[in-house]
PDB file of all heavy atoms in Angstrom:
ATOM      1  N   SER A   1      -2.437  -6.877   0.141  1.00  0.00           N
ATOM      2  CA  SER A   1      -2.111  -7.064   1.537  1.00  0.00           C
ATOM      3  C   SER A   1      -1.030  -6.111   1.996  1.00  0.00           C
ATOM      4  O   SER A   1      -1.064  -5.544   3.076  1.00  0.00           O
ATOM      5  CB  SER A   1      -1.664  -8.524   1.782  1.00  0.00           C
ATOM      6  OG  SER A   1      -2.630  -9.458   1.369  1.00  0.00           O
ATOM      7  N   GLU A   2      -0.052  -5.939   1.132  1.00  0.00           N
ATOM      8  CA  GLU A   2       1.043  -4.990   1.401  1.00  0.00           C
ATOM      9  C   GLU A   2       0.476  -3.577   1.573  1.00  0.00           C
ATOM     10  O   GLU A   2       0.866  -2.871   2.537  1.00  0.00           O
ATOM     11  CB  GLU A   2       2.052  -5.002   0.250  1.00  0.00           C
ATOM     12  CG  GLU A   2       3.211  -4.054   0.391  1.00  0.00           C
ATOM     13  CD  GLU A   2       4.062  -4.011  -0.824  1.00  0.00           C
ATOM     14  OE1 GLU A   2       3.534  -3.774  -1.941  1.00  0.00           O
ATOM     15  OE2 GLU A   2       5.286  -4.213  -0.713  1.00  0.00           O
ATOM     16  N   PHE A   3      -0.456  -3.203   0.690  1.00  0.00           N
ATOM     17  CA  PHE A   3      -1.055  -1.864   0.772  1.00  0.00           C
ATOM     18  C   PHE A   3      -1.817  -1.693   2.077  1.00  0.00           C
ATOM     19  O   PHE A   3      -1.730  -0.650   2.756  1.00  0.00           O
ATOM     20  CB  PHE A   3      -1.957  -1.624  -0.409  1.00  0.00           C
ATOM     21  CG  PHE A   3      -2.732  -0.350  -0.351  1.00  0.00           C
ATOM     22  CD1 PHE A   3      -2.076   0.869  -0.449  1.00  0.00           C
ATOM     23  CD2 PHE A   3      -4.088  -0.342  -0.165  1.00  0.00           C
ATOM     24  CE1 PHE A   3      -2.785   2.081  -0.354  1.00  0.00           C
ATOM     25  CE2 PHE A   3      -4.806   0.836  -0.075  1.00  0.00           C
ATOM     26  CZ  PHE A   3      -4.156   2.033  -0.174  1.00  0.00           C
ATOM     27  N   LEU A   4      -2.555  -2.712   2.488  1.00  0.00           N
ATOM     28  CA  LEU A   4      -3.331  -2.628   3.732  1.00  0.00           C
ATOM     29  C   LEU A   4      -2.403  -2.476   4.953  1.00  0.00           C
ATOM     30  O   LEU A   4      -2.688  -1.695   5.853  1.00  0.00           O
ATOM     31  CB  LEU A   4      -4.231  -3.860   3.868  1.00  0.00           C
ATOM     32  CG  LEU A   4      -5.182  -3.843   5.109  1.00  0.00           C
ATOM     33  CD1 LEU A   4      -6.120  -2.646   5.042  1.00  0.00           C
ATOM     34  CD2 LEU A   4      -5.987  -5.134   5.146  1.00  0.00           C
ATOM     35  N   GLN A   5      -1.317  -3.247   4.954  1.00  0.00           N
ATOM     36  CA  GLN A   5      -0.327  -3.125   6.034  1.00  0.00           C
ATOM     37  C   GLN A   5       0.258  -1.687   6.100  1.00  0.00           C
ATOM     38  O   GLN A   5       0.426  -1.156   7.175  1.00  0.00           O
ATOM     39  CB  GLN A   5       0.806  -4.132   5.828  1.00  0.00           C
ATOM     40  CG  GLN A   5       0.400  -5.579   5.993  1.00  0.00           C
ATOM     41  CD  GLN A   5       0.385  -6.015   7.436  1.00  0.00           C
ATOM     42  OE1 GLN A   5       1.405  -5.976   8.124  1.00  0.00           O
ATOM     43  NE2 GLN A   5      -0.777  -6.419   7.912  1.00  0.00           N
ATOM     44  N   PHE A   6       0.528  -1.113   4.951  1.00  0.00           N
ATOM     45  CA  PHE A   6       1.029   0.271   4.909  1.00  0.00           C
ATOM     46  C   PHE A   6      -0.040   1.228   5.427  1.00  0.00           C
ATOM     47  O   PHE A   6       0.260   2.093   6.263  1.00  0.00           O
ATOM     48  CB  PHE A   6       1.436   0.628   3.482  1.00  0.00           C
ATOM     49  CG  PHE A   6       1.782   2.083   3.304  1.00  0.00           C
ATOM     50  CD1 PHE A   6       2.959   2.583   3.802  1.00  0.00           C
ATOM     51  CD2 PHE A   6       0.905   2.915   2.578  1.00  0.00           C
ATOM     52  CE1 PHE A   6       3.267   3.928   3.659  1.00  0.00           C
ATOM     53  CE2 PHE A   6       1.209   4.253   2.398  1.00  0.00           C
ATOM     54  CZ  PHE A   6       2.416   4.770   2.969  1.00  0.00           C
ATOM     55  N   ALA A   7      -1.258   1.094   4.996  1.00  0.00           N
ATOM     56  CA  ALA A   7      -2.352   1.981   5.371  1.00  0.00           C
ATOM     57  C   ALA A   7      -2.613   1.895   6.887  1.00  0.00           C
ATOM     58  O   ALA A   7      -3.003   2.899   7.515  1.00  0.00           O
ATOM     59  CB  ALA A   7      -3.635   1.670   4.598  1.00  0.00           C
ATOM     60  N   GLN A   8      -2.327   0.743   7.471  1.00  0.00           N
ATOM     61  CA  GLN A   8      -2.494   0.560   8.921  1.00  0.00           C
ATOM     62  C   GLN A   8      -1.276   1.024   9.730  1.00  0.00           C
ATOM     63  O   GLN A   8      -1.248   0.892  10.971  1.00  0.00           O
ATOM     64  CB  GLN A   8      -2.805  -0.904   9.233  1.00  0.00           C
ATOM     65  CG  GLN A   8      -4.147  -1.360   8.697  1.00  0.00           C
ATOM     66  CD  GLN A   8      -4.361  -2.876   8.859  1.00  0.00           C
ATOM     67  OE1 GLN A   8      -3.397  -3.614   9.097  1.00  0.00           O
ATOM     68  NE2 GLN A   8      -5.609  -3.302   8.774  1.00  0.00           N
ATOM     69  N   GLY A   9      -0.223   1.482   9.054  1.00  0.00           N
ATOM     70  CA  GLY A   9       0.959   1.963   9.735  1.00  0.00           C
ATOM     71  C   GLY A   9       1.933   0.887  10.122  1.00  0.00           C
ATOM     72  O   GLY A   9       2.860   1.125  10.884  1.00  0.00           O
ATOM     73  N   LYS A  10       1.763  -0.346   9.612  1.00  0.00           N
ATOM     74  CA  LYS A  10       2.644  -1.447   9.936  1.00  0.00           C
ATOM     75  C   LYS A  10       3.855  -1.551   8.985  1.00  0.00           C
ATOM     76  O   LYS A  10       4.766  -2.319   9.262  1.00  0.00           O
ATOM     77  CB  LYS A  10       1.828  -2.763   9.917  1.00  0.00           C
ATOM     78  CG  LYS A  10       0.750  -2.789  10.972  1.00  0.00           C
ATOM     79  CD  LYS A  10      -0.057  -4.089  10.911  1.00  0.00           C
ATOM     80  CE  LYS A  10      -1.194  -4.057  11.961  1.00  0.00           C
ATOM     81  NZ  LYS A  10      -2.020  -5.282  11.886  1.00  0.00           N
ATOM     82  N   LEU A  11       3.792  -0.813   7.889  1.00  0.00           N
ATOM     83  CA  LEU A  11       4.956  -0.628   7.010  1.00  0.00           C
ATOM     84  C   LEU A  11       5.255   0.844   6.895  1.00  0.00           C
ATOM     85  O   LEU A  11       4.324   1.662   6.931  1.00  0.00           O
ATOM     86  CB  LEU A  11       4.670  -1.217   5.626  1.00  0.00           C
ATOM     87  CG  LEU A  11       4.459  -2.740   5.529  1.00  0.00           C
ATOM     88  CD1 LEU A  11       4.056  -3.151   4.128  1.00  0.00           C
ATOM     89  CD2 LEU A  11       5.695  -3.542   5.943  1.00  0.00           C
ATOM     90  N   ASP A  12       6.514   1.211   6.751  1.00  0.00           N
ATOM     91  CA  ASP A  12       6.878   2.623   6.739  1.00  0.00           C
ATOM     92  C   ASP A  12       6.858   3.264   5.330  1.00  0.00           C
ATOM     93  O   ASP A  12       6.799   4.485   5.200  1.00  0.00           O
ATOM     94  CB  ASP A  12       8.257   2.804   7.327  1.00  0.00           C
ATOM     95  CG  ASP A  12       8.251   2.579   8.823  1.00  0.00           C
ATOM     96  OD1 ASP A  12       7.406   3.178   9.498  1.00  0.00           O
ATOM     97  OD2 ASP A  12       9.049   1.761   9.301  1.00  0.00           O
ATOM     98  N   PHE A  13       6.875   2.414   4.297  1.00  0.00           N
ATOM     99  CA  PHE A  13       6.744   2.968   2.959  1.00  0.00           C
ATOM    100  C   PHE A  13       6.352   1.958   1.939  1.00  0.00           C
ATOM    101  O   PHE A  13       6.490   0.726   2.162  1.00  0.00           O
ATOM    102  CB  PHE A  13       8.024   3.715   2.558  1.00  0.00           C
ATOM    103  CG  PHE A  13       8.994   2.991   1.694  1.00  0.00           C
ATOM    104  CD1 PHE A  13       9.432   3.499   0.494  1.00  0.00           C
ATOM    105  CD2 PHE A  13       9.523   1.762   2.102  1.00  0.00           C
ATOM    106  CE1 PHE A  13      10.310   2.840  -0.318  1.00  0.00           C
ATOM    107  CE2 PHE A  13      10.418   1.078   1.298  1.00  0.00           C
ATOM    108  CZ  PHE A  13      10.821   1.626   0.082  1.00  0.00           C
ATOM    109  N   LEU A  14       5.777   2.439   0.839  1.00  0.00           N
ATOM    110  CA  LEU A  14       5.446   1.574  -0.327  1.00  0.00           C
ATOM    111  C   LEU A  14       6.247   2.120  -1.507  1.00  0.00           C
ATOM    112  O   LEU A  14       6.342   3.337  -1.668  1.00  0.00           O
ATOM    113  CB  LEU A  14       3.974   1.684  -0.661  1.00  0.00           C
ATOM    114  CG  LEU A  14       2.957   0.772   0.015  1.00  0.00           C
ATOM    115  CD1 LEU A  14       1.550   1.094  -0.568  1.00  0.00           C
ATOM    116  CD2 LEU A  14       3.303  -0.668  -0.163  1.00  0.00           C
ATOM    117  N   ASN A  15       6.741   1.220  -2.306  1.00  0.00           N
ATOM    118  CA  ASN A  15       7.566   1.638  -3.465  1.00  0.00           C
ATOM    119  C   ASN A  15       6.914   1.339  -4.779  1.00  0.00           C
ATOM    120  O   ASN A  15       7.440   1.647  -5.817  1.00  0.00           O
ATOM    121  CB  ASN A  15       8.908   0.922  -3.401  1.00  0.00           C
ATOM    122  CG  ASN A  15       9.788   1.310  -4.547  1.00  0.00           C
ATOM    123  OD1 ASN A  15      10.196   2.467  -4.695  1.00  0.00           O
ATOM    124  ND2 ASN A  15      10.112   0.351  -5.416  1.00  0.00           N
ATOM    125  N   SER A  16       5.718   0.747  -4.776  1.00  0.00           N
ATOM    126  CA  SER A  16       5.110   0.343  -6.035  1.00  0.00           C
ATOM    127  C   SER A  16       3.703   0.900  -6.133  1.00  0.00           C
ATOM    128  O   SER A  16       3.092   1.296  -5.159  1.00  0.00           O
ATOM    129  CB  SER A  16       5.044  -1.190  -6.149  1.00  0.00           C
ATOM    130  OG  SER A  16       4.295  -1.733  -5.066  1.00  0.00           O
ATOM    131  N   LEU A  17       3.234   0.961  -7.364  1.00  0.00           N
ATOM    132  CA  LEU A  17       1.852   1.406  -7.642  1.00  0.00           C
ATOM    133  C   LEU A  17       1.168   0.283  -8.388  1.00  0.00           C
ATOM    134  O   LEU A  17       1.375   0.137  -9.609  1.00  0.00           O
ATOM    135  CB  LEU A  17       1.840   2.697  -8.430  1.00  0.00           C
ATOM    136  CG  LEU A  17       0.479   3.356  -8.673  1.00  0.00           C
ATOM    137  CD1 LEU A  17      -0.135   3.780  -7.366  1.00  0.00           C
ATOM    138  CD2 LEU A  17       0.616   4.526  -9.626  1.00  0.00           C
ATOM    139  N   ASP A  18       0.366  -0.487  -7.707  1.00  0.00           N
ATOM    140  CA  ASP A  18      -0.341  -1.593  -8.346  1.00  0.00           C
ATOM    141  C   ASP A  18      -1.729  -1.201  -8.830  1.00  0.00           C
ATOM    142  O   ASP A  18      -2.385  -0.337  -8.185  1.00  0.00           O
ATOM    143  CB  ASP A  18      -0.419  -2.750  -7.347  1.00  0.00           C
ATOM    144  CG  ASP A  18      -0.854  -4.039  -7.993  1.00  0.00           C
ATOM    145  OD1 ASP A  18      -0.108  -4.592  -8.814  1.00  0.00           O
ATOM    146  OD2 ASP A  18      -1.977  -4.516  -7.739  1.00  0.00           O
ATOM    147  N   ASN A  19      -2.173  -1.821  -9.910  1.00  0.00           N
ATOM    148  CA  ASN A  19      -3.491  -1.474 -10.437  1.00  0.00           C
ATOM    149  C   ASN A  19      -4.610  -1.731  -9.414  1.00  0.00           C
ATOM    150  O   ASN A  19      -5.665  -1.095  -9.492  1.00  0.00           O
ATOM    151  CB  ASN A  19      -3.777  -2.318 -11.697  1.00  0.00           C
ATOM    152  CG  ASN A  19      -3.026  -1.773 -12.922  1.00  0.00           C
ATOM    153  OD1 ASN A  19      -2.648  -0.617 -12.936  1.00  0.00           O
ATOM    154  ND2 ASN A  19      -2.785  -2.637 -13.890  1.00  0.00           N
ATOM    155  N   SER A  20      -4.375  -2.656  -8.463  1.00  0.00           N
ATOM    156  CA  SER A  20      -5.421  -2.983  -7.523  1.00  0.00           C
ATOM    157  C   SER A  20      -5.758  -1.829  -6.561  1.00  0.00           C
ATOM    158  O   SER A  20      -6.835  -1.793  -5.955  1.00  0.00           O
ATOM    159  CB  SER A  20      -5.014  -4.216  -6.717  1.00  0.00           C
ATOM    160  OG  SER A  20      -3.834  -3.972  -5.925  1.00  0.00           O
ATOM    161  N   TYR A  21      -4.796  -0.884  -6.381  1.00  0.00           N
ATOM    162  CA  TYR A  21      -5.082   0.214  -5.459  1.00  0.00           C
ATOM    163  C   TYR A  21      -4.678   1.584  -5.958  1.00  0.00           C
ATOM    164  O   TYR A  21      -4.747   2.567  -5.257  1.00  0.00           O
ATOM    165  CB  TYR A  21      -4.420  -0.064  -4.098  1.00  0.00           C
ATOM    166  CG  TYR A  21      -2.936  -0.196  -4.133  1.00  0.00           C
ATOM    167  CD1 TYR A  21      -2.074   0.912  -4.208  1.00  0.00           C
ATOM    168  CD2 TYR A  21      -2.297  -1.434  -4.020  1.00  0.00           C
ATOM    169  CE1 TYR A  21      -0.689   0.793  -4.235  1.00  0.00           C
ATOM    170  CE2 TYR A  21      -0.935  -1.582  -4.057  1.00  0.00           C
ATOM    171  CZ  TYR A  21      -0.133  -0.460  -4.150  1.00  0.00           C
ATOM    172  OH  TYR A  21       1.246  -0.583  -4.145  1.00  0.00           O
ATOM    173  N   LYS A  22      -4.200   1.687  -7.227  1.00  0.00           N
ATOM    174  CA  LYS A  22      -3.686   2.965  -7.683  1.00  0.00           C
ATOM    175  C   LYS A  22      -4.727   4.080  -7.636  1.00  0.00           C
ATOM    176  O   LYS A  22      -4.406   5.214  -7.295  1.00  0.00           O
ATOM    177  CB  LYS A  22      -3.093   2.841  -9.097  1.00  0.00           C
ATOM    178  CG  LYS A  22      -4.057   2.537 -10.229  1.00  0.00           C
ATOM    179  CD  LYS A  22      -3.294   2.443 -11.565  1.00  0.00           C
ATOM    180  CE  LYS A  22      -4.208   2.071 -12.712  1.00  0.00           C
ATOM    181  NZ  LYS A  22      -5.127   3.143 -13.080  1.00  0.00           N
ATOM    182  N   ASP A  23      -5.988   3.770  -7.957  1.00  0.00           N
ATOM    183  CA  ASP A  23      -7.019   4.822  -7.951  1.00  0.00           C
ATOM    184  C   ASP A  23      -7.438   5.154  -6.520  1.00  0.00           C
ATOM    185  O   ASP A  23      -8.005   6.243  -6.269  1.00  0.00           O
ATOM    186  CB  ASP A  23      -8.254   4.345  -8.748  1.00  0.00           C
ATOM    187  CG  ASP A  23      -7.915   4.206 -10.256  1.00  0.00           C
ATOM    188  OD1 ASP A  23      -7.082   5.019 -10.726  1.00  0.00           O
ATOM    189  OD2 ASP A  23      -8.466   3.318 -10.893  1.00  0.00           O
ATOM    190  N   GLU A  24      -7.194   4.209  -5.587  1.00  0.00           N
ATOM    191  CA  GLU A  24      -7.515   4.467  -4.190  1.00  0.00           C
ATOM    192  C   GLU A  24      -6.604   5.479  -3.581  1.00  0.00           C
ATOM    193  O   GLU A  24      -6.996   6.317  -2.776  1.00  0.00           O
ATOM    194  CB  GLU A  24      -7.421   3.123  -3.429  1.00  0.00           C
ATOM    195  CG  GLU A  24      -7.392   3.216  -1.896  1.00  0.00           C
ATOM    196  CD  GLU A  24      -8.696   3.649  -1.295  1.00  0.00           C
ATOM    197  OE1 GLU A  24      -9.744   3.567  -1.988  1.00  0.00           O
ATOM    198  OE2 GLU A  24      -8.737   4.065  -0.106  1.00  0.00           O
TER     199      GLU A  24
END
């Protein structure tokens, strides 16, 4: 959910790399 919020521009940065989206 955090990643989707970031991809939509609702968060300004991500600090982690989770297995659920790392290859994406």
